[in-house]
Amino acid sequence: MPDTKRTVVIVVGSLSILESSIERAFVKHANFFKAYSLKVNRTGWPDRIVTVKNGYCFYIEFKRPNELPRKLQLHIHSMIRLMGFHVYVCDNIKDAKMILDYEIHVATLYKKRMDNDNLDAPELEL
């Protein structure tokens, strides 16, 4: 007699989306824009540090939809922010792509500002 056991999977909204699938899609999007997304394998630290053009970088933590960072992660995120870096927590690919697009724009503005500031700076003789 054939086995009649069956597994039933019920998917509610986007809860079936894994953190890793959001992260993979983000990395692919980042590579398209020549932004390098480095994996950080340290407990509590954001999943990725992303370097974009003009020497600019930011951190991003990926979560499943509606999942929140742990207490240690929140502590480390605030330490990184105190150093002046942007830190994001993202639970969907649409927002992750929007964050990258925004940070690329900010990096362009940062470069323009640095170029203008350096016009007024005296040259150093070594």
PDB file of N, CA and C in Angstrom:
ATOM      1  N   MET A   1       0.832  -1.176   0.000  1.00  0.00           N
ATOM      2  CA  MET A   1       0.000   0.000   0.000  1.00  0.00           C
ATOM      3  C   MET A   1       0.887   1.254   0.000  1.00  0.00           C
ATOM      4  N   PRO A   2       0.606   2.274  -0.854  1.00  0.00           N
ATOM      5  CA  PRO A   2       1.443   3.473  -0.930  1.00  0.00           C
ATOM      6  C   PRO A   2       1.334   4.306   0.349  1.00  0.00           C
ATOM      7  N   ASP A   3       2.423   5.029   0.615  1.00  0.00           N
ATOM      8  CA  ASP A   3       2.479   5.905   1.788  1.00  0.00           C
ATOM      9  C   ASP A   3       1.535   7.088   1.563  1.00  0.00           C
ATOM     10  N   THR A   4       0.624   7.298   2.490  1.00  0.00           N
ATOM     11  CA  THR A   4      -0.370   8.365   2.324  1.00  0.00           C
ATOM     12  C   THR A   4      -0.037   9.613   3.140  1.00  0.00           C
ATOM     13  N   LYS A   5       1.138   9.638   3.771  1.00  0.00           N
ATOM     14  CA  LYS A   5       1.531  10.823   4.522  1.00  0.00           C
ATOM     15  C   LYS A   5       1.855  11.960   3.552  1.00  0.00           C
ATOM     16  N   ARG A   6       1.380  13.123   3.862  1.00  0.00           N
ATOM     17  CA  ARG A   6       1.663  14.302   3.035  1.00  0.00           C
ATOM     18  C   ARG A   6       2.043  15.458   3.940  1.00  0.00           C
ATOM     19  N   THR A   7       2.887  16.312   3.420  1.00  0.00           N
ATOM     20  CA  THR A   7       3.272  17.512   4.154  1.00  0.00           C
ATOM     21  C   THR A   7       2.530  18.681   3.558  1.00  0.00           C
ATOM     22  N   VAL A   8       1.903  19.447   4.399  1.00  0.00           N
ATOM     23  CA  VAL A   8       1.171  20.622   3.944  1.00  0.00           C
ATOM     24  C   VAL A   8       1.936  21.852   4.410  1.00  0.00           C
ATOM     25  N   VAL A   9       2.242  22.746   3.481  1.00  0.00           N
ATOM     26  CA  VAL A   9       2.928  23.991   3.801  1.00  0.00           C
ATOM     27  C   VAL A   9       1.967  25.129   3.537  1.00  0.00           C
ATOM     28  N   ILE A  10       1.751  25.940   4.551  1.00  0.00           N
ATOM     29  CA  ILE A  10       0.873  27.099   4.400  1.00  0.00           C
ATOM     30  C   ILE A  10       1.739  28.343   4.436  1.00  0.00           C
ATOM     31  N   VAL A  11       1.633  29.142   3.419  1.00  0.00           N
ATOM     32  CA  VAL A  11       2.411  30.371   3.330  1.00  0.00           C
ATOM     33  C   VAL A  11       1.483  31.535   3.599  1.00  0.00           C
ATOM     34  N   VAL A  12       1.847  32.349   4.581  1.00  0.00           N
ATOM     35  CA  VAL A  12       1.048  33.522   4.930  1.00  0.00           C
ATOM     36  C   VAL A  12       1.841  34.756   4.527  1.00  0.00           C
ATOM     37  N   GLY A  13       1.343  35.489   3.574  1.00  0.00           N
ATOM     38  CA  GLY A  13       2.032  36.709   3.134  1.00  0.00           C
ATOM     39  C   GLY A  13       3.430  36.400   2.660  1.00  0.00           C
ATOM     40  N   SER A  14       4.398  37.191   3.133  1.00  0.00           N
ATOM     41  CA  SER A  14       5.778  37.019   2.697  1.00  0.00           C
ATOM     42  C   SER A  14       6.644  36.371   3.767  1.00  0.00           C
ATOM     43  N   LEU A  15       6.035  35.676   4.724  1.00  0.00           N
ATOM     44  CA  LEU A  15       6.799  35.052   5.795  1.00  0.00           C
ATOM     45  C   LEU A  15       7.710  33.941   5.291  1.00  0.00           C
ATOM     46  N   SER A  16       7.452  33.435   4.093  1.00  0.00           N
ATOM     47  CA  SER A  16       8.287  32.367   3.566  1.00  0.00           C
ATOM     48  C   SER A  16       9.607  32.891   3.001  1.00  0.00           C
ATOM     49  N   ILE A  17       9.754  34.197   2.887  1.00  0.00           N
ATOM     50  CA  ILE A  17      10.980  34.772   2.345  1.00  0.00           C
ATOM     51  C   ILE A  17      12.093  34.644   3.379  1.00  0.00           C
ATOM     52  N   LEU A  18      13.210  34.120   2.954  1.00  0.00           N
ATOM     53  CA  LEU A  18      14.348  33.959   3.846  1.00  0.00           C
ATOM     54  C   LEU A  18      15.250  35.186   3.789  1.00  0.00           C
ATOM     55  N   GLU A  19      15.921  35.452   4.887  1.00  0.00           N
ATOM     56  CA  GLU A  19      16.895  36.540   4.955  1.00  0.00           C
ATOM     57  C   GLU A  19      17.945  36.390   3.854  1.00  0.00           C
ATOM     58  N   SER A  20      18.391  35.169   3.643  1.00  0.00           N
ATOM     59  CA  SER A  20      19.447  34.920   2.656  1.00  0.00           C
ATOM     60  C   SER A  20      19.000  35.252   1.234  1.00  0.00           C
ATOM     61  N   SER A  21      17.727  35.063   0.918  1.00  0.00           N
ATOM     62  CA  SER A  21      17.268  35.391  -0.444  1.00  0.00           C
ATOM     63  C   SER A  21      17.232  36.900  -0.654  1.00  0.00           C
ATOM     64  N   ILE A  22      16.889  37.657   0.383  1.00  0.00           N
ATOM     65  CA  ILE A  22      16.924  39.126   0.284  1.00  0.00           C
ATOM     66  C   ILE A  22      18.371  39.576   0.125  1.00  0.00           C
ATOM     67  N   GLU A  23      19.251  38.988   0.909  1.00  0.00           N
ATOM     68  CA  GLU A  23      20.667  39.344   0.864  1.00  0.00           C
ATOM     69  C   GLU A  23      21.281  39.036  -0.509  1.00  0.00           C
ATOM     70  N   ARG A  24      20.978  37.861  -1.060  1.00  0.00           N
ATOM     71  CA  ARG A  24      21.512  37.493  -2.384  1.00  0.00           C
ATOM     72  C   ARG A  24      21.050  38.465  -3.467  1.00  0.00           C
ATOM     73  N   ALA A  25      19.776  38.830  -3.444  1.00  0.00           N
ATOM     74  CA  ALA A  25      19.249  39.766  -4.438  1.00  0.00           C
ATOM     75  C   ALA A  25      19.908  41.131  -4.285  1.00  0.00           C
ATOM     76  N   PHE A  26      20.153  41.555  -3.043  1.00  0.00           N
ATOM     77  CA  PHE A  26      20.823  42.832  -2.806  1.00  0.00           C
ATOM     78  C   PHE A  26      22.244  42.810  -3.365  1.00  0.00           C
ATOM     79  N   VAL A  27      22.985  41.734  -3.097  1.00  0.00           N
ATOM     80  CA  VAL A  27      24.368  41.625  -3.570  1.00  0.00           C
ATOM     81  C   VAL A  27      24.417  41.681  -5.091  1.00  0.00           C
ATOM     82  N   LYS A  28      23.484  41.012  -5.732  1.00  0.00           N
ATOM     83  CA  LYS A  28      23.416  41.034  -7.200  1.00  0.00           C
ATOM     84  C   LYS A  28      23.162  42.460  -7.704  1.00  0.00           C
ATOM     85  N   HIS A  29      22.248  43.168  -7.052  1.00  0.00           N
ATOM     86  CA  HIS A  29      21.947  44.562  -7.410  1.00  0.00           C
ATOM     87  C   HIS A  29      23.175  45.447  -7.168  1.00  0.00           C
ATOM     88  N   ALA A  30      23.861  45.231  -6.059  1.00  0.00           N
ATOM     89  CA  ALA A  30      25.060  46.012  -5.734  1.00  0.00           C
ATOM     90  C   ALA A  30      26.160  45.776  -6.771  1.00  0.00           C
ATOM     91  N   ASN A  31      26.353  44.531  -7.155  1.00  0.00           N
ATOM     92  CA  ASN A  31      27.380  44.215  -8.160  1.00  0.00           C
ATOM     93  C   ASN A  31      27.109  44.921  -9.481  1.00  0.00           C
ATOM     94  N   PHE A  32      25.843  45.042  -9.834  1.00  0.00           N
ATOM     95  CA  PHE A  32      25.479  45.726 -11.074  1.00  0.00           C
ATOM     96  C   PHE A  32      25.978  47.171 -11.059  1.00  0.00           C
ATOM     97  N   PHE A  33      25.935  47.814  -9.898  1.00  0.00           N
ATOM     98  CA  PHE A  33      26.377  49.202  -9.770  1.00  0.00           C
ATOM     99  C   PHE A  33      27.832  49.325  -9.326  1.00  0.00           C
ATOM    100  N   LYS A  34      28.566  48.218  -9.379  1.00  0.00           N
ATOM    101  CA  LYS A  34      29.964  48.180  -8.956  1.00  0.00           C
ATOM    102  C   LYS A  34      30.148  48.642  -7.512  1.00  0.00           C
ATOM    103  N   ALA A  35      29.185  48.306  -6.689  1.00  0.00           N
ATOM    104  CA  ALA A  35      29.285  48.517  -5.245  1.00  0.00           C
ATOM    105  C   ALA A  35      29.683  47.174  -4.649  1.00  0.00           C
ATOM    106  N   TYR A  36      30.678  47.163  -3.797  1.00  0.00           N
ATOM    107  CA  TYR A  36      31.170  45.912  -3.255  1.00  0.00           C
ATOM    108  C   TYR A  36      30.542  45.669  -1.887  1.00  0.00           C
ATOM    109  N   SER A  37      29.931  44.518  -1.753  1.00  0.00           N
ATOM    110  CA  SER A  37      29.196  44.161  -0.553  1.00  0.00           C
ATOM    111  C   SER A  37      29.952  43.048   0.160  1.00  0.00           C
ATOM    112  N   LEU A  38      30.636  43.407   1.238  1.00  0.00           N
ATOM    113  CA  LEU A  38      31.479  42.459   1.947  1.00  0.00           C
ATOM    114  C   LEU A  38      30.730  41.837   3.121  1.00  0.00           C
ATOM    115  N   LYS A  39      30.769  40.529   3.213  1.00  0.00           N
ATOM    116  CA  LYS A  39      30.099  39.797   4.284  1.00  0.00           C
ATOM    117  C   LYS A  39      30.877  39.985   5.587  1.00  0.00           C
ATOM    118  N   VAL A  40      30.162  40.340   6.646  1.00  0.00           N
ATOM    119  CA  VAL A  40      30.763  40.499   7.970  1.00  0.00           C
ATOM    120  C   VAL A  40      30.310  39.317   8.815  1.00  0.00           C
ATOM    121  N   ASN A  41      31.244  38.503   9.242  1.00  0.00           N
ATOM    122  CA  ASN A  41      30.905  37.313  10.035  1.00  0.00           C
ATOM    123  C   ASN A  41      31.285  37.514  11.493  1.00  0.00           C
ATOM    124  N   ARG A  42      30.678  38.518  12.111  1.00  0.00           N
ATOM    125  CA  ARG A  42      30.917  38.807  13.525  1.00  0.00           C
ATOM    126  C   ARG A  42      29.569  38.870  14.234  1.00  0.00           C
ATOM    127  N   THR A  43      29.452  38.234  15.361  1.00  0.00           N
ATOM    128  CA  THR A  43      28.202  38.222  16.113  1.00  0.00           C
ATOM    129  C   THR A  43      27.768  39.644  16.452  1.00  0.00           C
ATOM    130  N   GLY A  44      26.520  39.946  16.118  1.00  0.00           N
ATOM    131  CA  GLY A  44      25.941  41.244  16.436  1.00  0.00           C
ATOM    132  C   GLY A  44      26.152  42.311  15.379  1.00  0.00           C
ATOM    133  N   TRP A  45      27.138  42.123  14.516  1.00  0.00           N
ATOM    134  CA  TRP A  45      27.434  43.126  13.496  1.00  0.00           C
ATOM    135  C   TRP A  45      26.462  42.988  12.328  1.00  0.00           C
ATOM    136  N   PRO A  46      26.222  44.085  11.580  1.00  0.00           N
ATOM    137  CA  PRO A  46      25.361  43.986  10.394  1.00  0.00           C
ATOM    138  C   PRO A  46      25.920  42.949   9.418  1.00  0.00           C
ATOM    139  N   ASP A  47      25.048  42.393   8.596  1.00  0.00           N
ATOM    140  CA  ASP A  47      25.452  41.327   7.674  1.00  0.00           C
ATOM    141  C   ASP A  47      26.496  41.767   6.654  1.00  0.00           C
ATOM    142  N   ARG A  48      26.371  43.000   6.176  1.00  0.00           N
ATOM    143  CA  ARG A  48      27.235  43.462   5.089  1.00  0.00           C
ATOM    144  C   ARG A  48      27.733  44.880   5.335  1.00  0.00           C
ATOM    145  N   ILE A  49      28.966  45.126   4.903  1.00  0.00           N
ATOM    146  CA  ILE A  49      29.461  46.489   4.760  1.00  0.00           C
ATOM    147  C   ILE A  49      29.559  46.700   3.257  1.00  0.00           C
ATOM    148  N   VAL A  50      28.969  47.785   2.793  1.00  0.00           N
ATOM    149  CA  VAL A  50      28.879  48.033   1.355  1.00  0.00           C
ATOM    150  C   VAL A  50      29.716  49.253   1.021  1.00  0.00           C
ATOM    151  N   THR A  51      30.682  49.057   0.126  1.00  0.00           N
ATOM    152  CA  THR A  51      31.510  50.173  -0.321  1.00  0.00           C
ATOM    153  C   THR A  51      31.010  50.608  -1.684  1.00  0.00           C
ATOM    154  N   VAL A  52      30.781  51.901  -1.801  1.00  0.00           N
ATOM    155  CA  VAL A  52      30.355  52.468  -3.080  1.00  0.00           C
ATOM    156  C   VAL A  52      31.444  53.433  -3.545  1.00  0.00           C
ATOM    157  N   LYS A  53      31.217  54.067  -4.665  1.00  0.00           N
ATOM    158  CA  LYS A  53      32.250  54.933  -5.244  1.00  0.00           C
ATOM    159  C   LYS A  53      32.627  56.071  -4.299  1.00  0.00           C
ATOM    160  N   ASN A  54      33.770  56.660  -4.566  1.00  0.00           N
ATOM    161  CA  ASN A  54      34.270  57.835  -3.845  1.00  0.00           C
ATOM    162  C   ASN A  54      34.648  57.542  -2.396  1.00  0.00           C
ATOM    163  N   GLY A  55      34.967  56.290  -2.076  1.00  0.00           N
ATOM    164  CA  GLY A  55      35.415  55.953  -0.740  1.00  0.00           C
ATOM    165  C   GLY A  55      34.336  55.995   0.323  1.00  0.00           C
ATOM    166  N   TYR A  56      33.114  55.794  -0.060  1.00  0.00           N
ATOM    167  CA  TYR A  56      31.968  55.899   0.841  1.00  0.00           C
ATOM    168  C   TYR A  56      31.455  54.498   1.163  1.00  0.00           C
ATOM    169  N   CYS A  57      31.030  54.262   2.414  1.00  0.00           N
ATOM    170  CA  CYS A  57      30.489  52.945   2.755  1.00  0.00           C
ATOM    171  C   CYS A  57      29.360  53.056   3.776  1.00  0.00           C
ATOM    172  N   PHE A  58      28.580  51.993   3.864  1.00  0.00           N
ATOM    173  CA  PHE A  58      27.497  51.895   4.836  1.00  0.00           C
ATOM    174  C   PHE A  58      27.307  50.436   5.215  1.00  0.00           C
ATOM    175  N   TYR A  59      26.541  50.201   6.271  1.00  0.00           N
ATOM    176  CA  TYR A  59      26.277  48.854   6.769  1.00  0.00           C
ATOM    177  C   TYR A  59      24.801  48.515   6.560  1.00  0.00           C
ATOM    178  N   ILE A  60      24.544  47.222   6.308  1.00  0.00           N
ATOM    179  CA  ILE A  60      23.154  46.790   6.153  1.00  0.00           C
ATOM    180  C   ILE A  60      22.957  45.422   6.807  1.00  0.00           C
ATOM    181  N   GLU A  61      21.881  45.321   7.563  1.00  0.00           N
ATOM    182  CA  GLU A  61      21.476  44.086   8.233  1.00  0.00           C
ATOM    183  C   GLU A  61      20.216  43.579   7.549  1.00  0.00           C
ATOM    184  N   PHE A  62      20.193  42.311   7.173  1.00  0.00           N
ATOM    185  CA  PHE A  62      19.018  41.729   6.525  1.00  0.00           C
ATOM    186  C   PHE A  62      18.244  40.886   7.530  1.00  0.00           C
ATOM    187  N   LYS A  63      16.937  41.001   7.476  1.00  0.00           N
ATOM    188  CA  LYS A  63      16.046  40.241   8.344  1.00  0.00           C
ATOM    189  C   LYS A  63      14.907  39.660   7.515  1.00  0.00           C
ATOM    190  N   ARG A  64      14.301  38.601   8.034  1.00  0.00           N
ATOM    191  CA  ARG A  64      13.065  38.100   7.420  1.00  0.00           C
ATOM    192  C   ARG A  64      12.000  39.173   7.596  1.00  0.00           C
ATOM    193  N   PRO A  65      10.974  39.173   6.762  1.00  0.00           N
ATOM    194  CA  PRO A  65       9.907  40.169   6.911  1.00  0.00           C
ATOM    195  C   PRO A  65       9.362  40.221   8.341  1.00  0.00           C
ATOM    196  N   ASN A  66       9.279  41.428   8.853  1.00  0.00           N
ATOM    197  CA  ASN A  66       8.743  41.730  10.187  1.00  0.00           C
ATOM    198  C   ASN A  66       9.601  41.218  11.343  1.00  0.00           C
ATOM    199  N   GLU A  67      10.811  40.773  11.082  1.00  0.00           N
ATOM    200  CA  GLU A  67      11.709  40.335  12.145  1.00  0.00           C
ATOM    201  C   GLU A  67      12.537  41.539  12.601  1.00  0.00           C
ATOM    202  N   LEU A  68      12.803  41.641  13.889  1.00  0.00           N
ATOM    203  CA  LEU A  68      13.543  42.770  14.443  1.00  0.00           C
ATOM    204  C   LEU A  68      14.952  42.352  14.847  1.00  0.00           C
ATOM    205  N   PRO A  69      15.896  43.304  14.879  1.00  0.00           N
ATOM    206  CA  PRO A  69      17.254  42.984  15.336  1.00  0.00           C
ATOM    207  C   PRO A  69      17.257  42.587  16.815  1.00  0.00           C
ATOM    208  N   ARG A  70      18.221  41.762  17.173  1.00  0.00           N
ATOM    209  CA  ARG A  70      18.399  41.376  18.566  1.00  0.00           C
ATOM    210  C   ARG A  70      19.017  42.531  19.362  1.00  0.00           C
ATOM    211  N   LYS A  71      18.986  42.423  20.657  1.00  0.00           N
ATOM    212  CA  LYS A  71      19.492  43.476  21.541  1.00  0.00           C
ATOM    213  C   LYS A  71      20.964  43.788  21.255  1.00  0.00           C
ATOM    214  N   LEU A  72      21.793  42.763  21.109  1.00  0.00           N
ATOM    215  CA  LEU A  72      23.216  42.970  20.812  1.00  0.00           C
ATOM    216  C   LEU A  72      23.391  43.699  19.481  1.00  0.00           C
ATOM    217  N   GLN A  73      22.594  43.317  18.483  1.00  0.00           N
ATOM    218  CA  GLN A  73      22.679  43.978  17.179  1.00  0.00           C
ATOM    219  C   GLN A  73      22.335  45.461  17.296  1.00  0.00           C
ATOM    220  N   LEU A  74      21.287  45.771  18.040  1.00  0.00           N
ATOM    221  CA  LEU A  74      20.906  47.172  18.215  1.00  0.00           C
ATOM    222  C   LEU A  74      22.023  47.965  18.883  1.00  0.00           C
ATOM    223  N   HIS A  75      22.681  47.362  19.857  1.00  0.00           N
ATOM    224  CA  HIS A  75      23.789  48.025  20.539  1.00  0.00           C
ATOM    225  C   HIS A  75      24.942  48.310  19.569  1.00  0.00           C
ATOM    226  N   ILE A  76      25.320  47.315  18.799  1.00  0.00           N
ATOM    227  CA  ILE A  76      26.423  47.490  17.851  1.00  0.00           C
ATOM    228  C   ILE A  76      26.041  48.483  16.758  1.00  0.00           C
ATOM    229  N   HIS A  77      24.803  48.427  16.282  1.00  0.00           N
ATOM    230  CA  HIS A  77      24.345  49.393  15.273  1.00  0.00           C
ATOM    231  C   HIS A  77      24.496  50.810  15.797  1.00  0.00           C
ATOM    232  N   SER A  78      24.127  51.049  17.058  1.00  0.00           N
ATOM    233  CA  SER A  78      24.240  52.410  17.582  1.00  0.00           C
ATOM    234  C   SER A  78      25.700  52.820  17.748  1.00  0.00           C
ATOM    235  N   MET A  79      26.587  51.887  18.088  1.00  0.00           N
ATOM    236  CA  MET A  79      28.023  52.206  18.156  1.00  0.00           C
ATOM    237  C   MET A  79      28.556  52.612  16.783  1.00  0.00           C
ATOM    238  N   ILE A  80      28.154  51.881  15.751  1.00  0.00           N
ATOM    239  CA  ILE A  80      28.605  52.187  14.391  1.00  0.00           C
ATOM    240  C   ILE A  80      28.068  53.555  13.959  1.00  0.00           C
ATOM    241  N   ARG A  81      26.816  53.835  14.300  1.00  0.00           N
ATOM    242  CA  ARG A  81      26.225  55.139  13.953  1.00  0.00           C
ATOM    243  C   ARG A  81      26.949  56.280  14.656  1.00  0.00           C
ATOM    244  N   LEU A  82      27.390  56.060  15.894  1.00  0.00           N
ATOM    245  CA  LEU A  82      28.138  57.088  16.618  1.00  0.00           C
ATOM    246  C   LEU A  82      29.456  57.428  15.918  1.00  0.00           C
ATOM    247  N   MET A  83      29.988  56.481  15.159  1.00  0.00           N
ATOM    248  CA  MET A  83      31.206  56.729  14.385  1.00  0.00           C
ATOM    249  C   MET A  83      30.910  57.455  13.076  1.00  0.00           C
ATOM    250  N   GLY A  84      29.623  57.701  12.796  1.00  0.00           N
ATOM    251  CA  GLY A  84      29.253  58.469  11.616  1.00  0.00           C
ATOM    252  C   GLY A  84      28.810  57.660  10.408  1.00  0.00           C
ATOM    253  N   PHE A  85      28.699  56.356  10.543  1.00  0.00           N
ATOM    254  CA  PHE A  85      28.278  55.516   9.419  1.00  0.00           C
ATOM    255  C   PHE A  85      26.768  55.321   9.426  1.00  0.00           C
ATOM    256  N   HIS A  86      26.219  55.105   8.254  1.00  0.00           N
ATOM    257  CA  HIS A  86      24.803  54.756   8.142  1.00  0.00           C
ATOM    258  C   HIS A  86      24.669  53.254   8.353  1.00  0.00           C
ATOM    259  N   VAL A  87      23.650  52.850   9.116  1.00  0.00           N
ATOM    260  CA  VAL A  87      23.336  51.441   9.342  1.00  0.00           C
ATOM    261  C   VAL A  87      21.857  51.248   9.066  1.00  0.00           C
ATOM    262  N   TYR A  88      21.546  50.269   8.243  1.00  0.00           N
ATOM    263  CA  TYR A  88      20.155  49.993   7.876  1.00  0.00           C
ATOM    264  C   TYR A  88      19.780  48.575   8.275  1.00  0.00           C
ATOM    265  N   VAL A  89      18.507  48.386   8.615  1.00  0.00           N
ATOM    266  CA  VAL A  89      17.940  47.057   8.829  1.00  0.00           C
ATOM    267  C   VAL A  89      16.850  46.911   7.773  1.00  0.00           C
ATOM    268  N   CYS A  90      16.949  45.869   6.976  1.00  0.00           N
ATOM    269  CA  CYS A  90      16.058  45.731   5.826  1.00  0.00           C
ATOM    270  C   CYS A  90      15.432  44.345   5.793  1.00  0.00           C
ATOM    271  N   ASP A  91      14.101  44.307   5.554  1.00  0.00           N
ATOM    272  CA  ASP A  91      13.417  43.013   5.524  1.00  0.00           C
ATOM    273  C   ASP A  91      12.750  42.709   4.180  1.00  0.00           C
ATOM    274  N   ASN A  92      13.121  43.462   3.131  1.00  0.00           N
ATOM    275  CA  ASN A  92      12.597  43.147   1.793  1.00  0.00           C
ATOM    276  C   ASN A  92      13.527  43.710   0.730  1.00  0.00           C
ATOM    277  N   ILE A  93      13.495  43.115  -0.443  1.00  0.00           N
ATOM    278  CA  ILE A  93      14.441  43.483  -1.495  1.00  0.00           C
ATOM    279  C   ILE A  93      14.149  44.866  -2.066  1.00  0.00           C
ATOM    280  N   LYS A  94      12.892  45.256  -2.128  1.00  0.00           N
ATOM    281  CA  LYS A  94      12.561  46.583  -2.666  1.00  0.00           C
ATOM    282  C   LYS A  94      13.246  47.679  -1.845  1.00  0.00           C
ATOM    283  N   ASP A  95      13.136  47.599  -0.532  1.00  0.00           N
ATOM    284  CA  ASP A  95      13.783  48.587   0.333  1.00  0.00           C
ATOM    285  C   ASP A  95      15.301  48.492   0.249  1.00  0.00           C
ATOM    286  N   ALA A  96      15.830  47.283   0.149  1.00  0.00           N
ATOM    287  CA  ALA A  96      17.281  47.103   0.055  1.00  0.00           C
ATOM    288  C   ALA A  96      17.832  47.796  -1.194  1.00  0.00           C
ATOM    289  N   LYS A  97      17.153  47.631  -2.311  1.00  0.00           N
ATOM    290  CA  LYS A  97      17.584  48.298  -3.545  1.00  0.00           C
ATOM    291  C   LYS A  97      17.466  49.806  -3.420  1.00  0.00           C
ATOM    292  N   MET A  98      16.402  50.276  -2.773  1.00  0.00           N
ATOM    293  CA  MET A  98      16.206  51.707  -2.587  1.00  0.00           C
ATOM    294  C   MET A  98      17.317  52.291  -1.702  1.00  0.00           C
ATOM    295  N   ILE A  99      17.729  51.553  -0.675  1.00  0.00           N
ATOM    296  CA  ILE A  99      18.814  51.994   0.203  1.00  0.00           C
ATOM    297  C   ILE A  99      20.105  52.137  -0.598  1.00  0.00           C
ATOM    298  N   LEU A 100      20.408  51.135  -1.420  1.00  0.00           N
ATOM    299  CA  LEU A 100      21.625  51.204  -2.219  1.00  0.00           C
ATOM    300  C   LEU A 100      21.581  52.392  -3.177  1.00  0.00           C
ATOM    301  N   ASP A 101      20.472  52.590  -3.852  1.00  0.00           N
ATOM    302  CA  ASP A 101      20.348  53.719  -4.782  1.00  0.00           C
ATOM    303  C   ASP A 101      20.542  55.043  -4.046  1.00  0.00           C
ATOM    304  N   TYR A 102      19.960  55.157  -2.860  1.00  0.00           N
ATOM    305  CA  TYR A 102      20.110  56.375  -2.054  1.00  0.00           C
ATOM    306  C   TYR A 102      21.574  56.589  -1.657  1.00  0.00           C
ATOM    307  N   GLU A 103      22.235  55.539  -1.192  1.00  0.00           N
ATOM    308  CA  GLU A 103      23.625  55.664  -0.750  1.00  0.00           C
ATOM    309  C   GLU A 103      24.567  55.990  -1.909  1.00  0.00           C
ATOM    310  N   ILE A 104      24.287  55.480  -3.100  1.00  0.00           N
ATOM    311  CA  ILE A 104      25.096  55.841  -4.271  1.00  0.00           C
ATOM    312  C   ILE A 104      24.926  57.334  -4.553  1.00  0.00           C
ATOM    313  N   HIS A 105      23.709  57.834  -4.422  1.00  0.00           N
ATOM    314  CA  HIS A 105      23.440  59.270  -4.611  1.00  0.00           C
ATOM    315  C   HIS A 105      24.180  60.095  -3.554  1.00  0.00           C
ATOM    316  N   VAL A 106      24.117  59.666  -2.302  1.00  0.00           N
ATOM    317  CA  VAL A 106      24.815  60.376  -1.226  1.00  0.00           C
ATOM    318  C   VAL A 106      26.322  60.386  -1.481  1.00  0.00           C
ATOM    319  N   ALA A 107      26.873  59.277  -1.952  1.00  0.00           N
ATOM    320  CA  ALA A 107      28.305  59.203  -2.237  1.00  0.00           C
ATOM    321  C   ALA A 107      28.703  60.201  -3.318  1.00  0.00           C
ATOM    322  N   THR A 108      27.829  60.395  -4.303  1.00  0.00           N
ATOM    323  CA  THR A 108      28.096  61.371  -5.366  1.00  0.00           C
ATOM    324  C   THR A 108      28.102  62.784  -4.793  1.00  0.00           C
ATOM    325  N   LEU A 109      27.136  63.095  -3.941  1.00  0.00           N
ATOM    326  CA  LEU A 109      27.086  64.420  -3.300  1.00  0.00           C
ATOM    327  C   LEU A 109      28.293  64.624  -2.388  1.00  0.00           C
ATOM    328  N   TYR A 110      28.688  63.581  -1.675  1.00  0.00           N
ATOM    329  CA  TYR A 110      29.854  63.647  -0.795  1.00  0.00           C
ATOM    330  C   TYR A 110      31.103  63.978  -1.593  1.00  0.00           C
ATOM    331  N   LYS A 111      31.271  63.323  -2.736  1.00  0.00           N
ATOM    332  CA  LYS A 111      32.440  63.561  -3.588  1.00  0.00           C
ATOM    333  C   LYS A 111      32.454  65.008  -4.084  1.00  0.00           C
ATOM    334  N   LYS A 112      31.303  65.513  -4.522  1.00  0.00           N
ATOM    335  CA  LYS A 112      31.237  66.898  -4.991  1.00  0.00           C
ATOM    336  C   LYS A 112      31.606  67.867  -3.879  1.00  0.00           C
ATOM    337  N   ARG A 113      31.115  67.607  -2.670  1.00  0.00           N
ATOM    338  CA  ARG A 113      31.431  68.486  -1.541  1.00  0.00           C
ATOM    339  C   ARG A 113      32.915  68.452  -1.226  1.00  0.00           C
ATOM    340  N   MET A 114      33.499  67.251  -1.221  1.00  0.00           N
ATOM    341  CA  MET A 114      34.936  67.130  -0.937  1.00  0.00           C
ATOM    342  C   MET A 114      35.756  67.843  -2.000  1.00  0.00           C
ATOM    343  N   ASP A 115      35.354  67.744  -3.264  1.00  0.00           N
ATOM    344  CA  ASP A 115      36.075  68.434  -4.338  1.00  0.00           C
ATOM    345  C   ASP A 115      36.019  69.938  -4.136  1.00  0.00           C
ATOM    346  N   ASN A 116      34.855  70.464  -3.770  1.00  0.00           N
ATOM    347  CA  ASN A 116      34.711  71.904  -3.545  1.00  0.00           C
ATOM    348  C   ASN A 116      35.506  72.356  -2.328  1.00  0.00           C
ATOM    349  N   ASP A 117      35.498  71.585  -1.264  1.00  0.00           N
ATOM    350  CA  ASP A 117      36.262  71.937  -0.069  1.00  0.00           C
ATOM    351  C   ASP A 117      37.751  71.944  -0.339  1.00  0.00           C
ATOM    352  N   ASN A 118      38.224  71.024  -1.170  1.00  0.00           N
ATOM    353  CA  ASN A 118      39.655  70.928  -1.455  1.00  0.00           C
ATOM    354  C   ASN A 118      40.145  72.066  -2.345  1.00  0.00           C
ATOM    355  N   LEU A 119      39.241  72.728  -3.071  1.00  0.00           N
ATOM    356  CA  LEU A 119      39.654  73.866  -3.894  1.00  0.00           C
ATOM    357  C   LEU A 119      40.189  75.001  -3.041  1.00  0.00           C
ATOM    358  N   ASP A 120      39.650  75.153  -1.845  1.00  0.00           N
ATOM    359  CA  ASP A 120      40.050  76.239  -0.967  1.00  0.00           C
ATOM    360  C   ASP A 120      41.202  75.865  -0.037  1.00  0.00           C
ATOM    361  N   ALA A 121      41.541  74.603   0.023  1.00  0.00           N
ATOM    362  CA  ALA A 121      42.593  74.155   0.937  1.00  0.00           C
ATOM    363  C   ALA A 121      43.969  74.448   0.377  1.00  0.00           C
ATOM    364  N   PRO A 122      44.863  74.905   1.229  1.00  0.00           N
ATOM    365  CA  PRO A 122      46.234  75.170   0.742  1.00  0.00           C
ATOM    366  C   PRO A 122      46.961  73.865   0.436  1.00  0.00           C
ATOM    367  N   GLU A 123      47.870  73.915  -0.503  1.00  0.00           N
ATOM    368  CA  GLU A 123      48.636  72.720  -0.849  1.00  0.00           C
ATOM    369  C   GLU A 123      49.685  72.480   0.225  1.00  0.00           C
ATOM    370  N   LEU A 124      49.917  71.228   0.542  1.00  0.00           N
ATOM    371  CA  LEU A 124      50.912  70.869   1.527  1.00  0.00           C
ATOM    372  C   LEU A 124      52.222  70.512   0.837  1.00  0.00           C
ATOM    373  N   GLU A 125      53.301  71.001   1.379  1.00  0.00           N
ATOM    374  CA  GLU A 125      54.610  70.633   0.850  1.00  0.00           C
ATOM    375  C   GLU A 125      55.216  69.586   1.751  1.00  0.00           C
ATOM    376  N   LEU A 126      55.677  68.505   1.150  1.00  0.00           N
ATOM    377  CA  LEU A 126      56.285  67.427   1.938  1.00  0.00           C
ATOM    378  C   LEU A 126      57.782  67.439   1.777  1.00  0.00           C
TER     379      LEU A 126
END
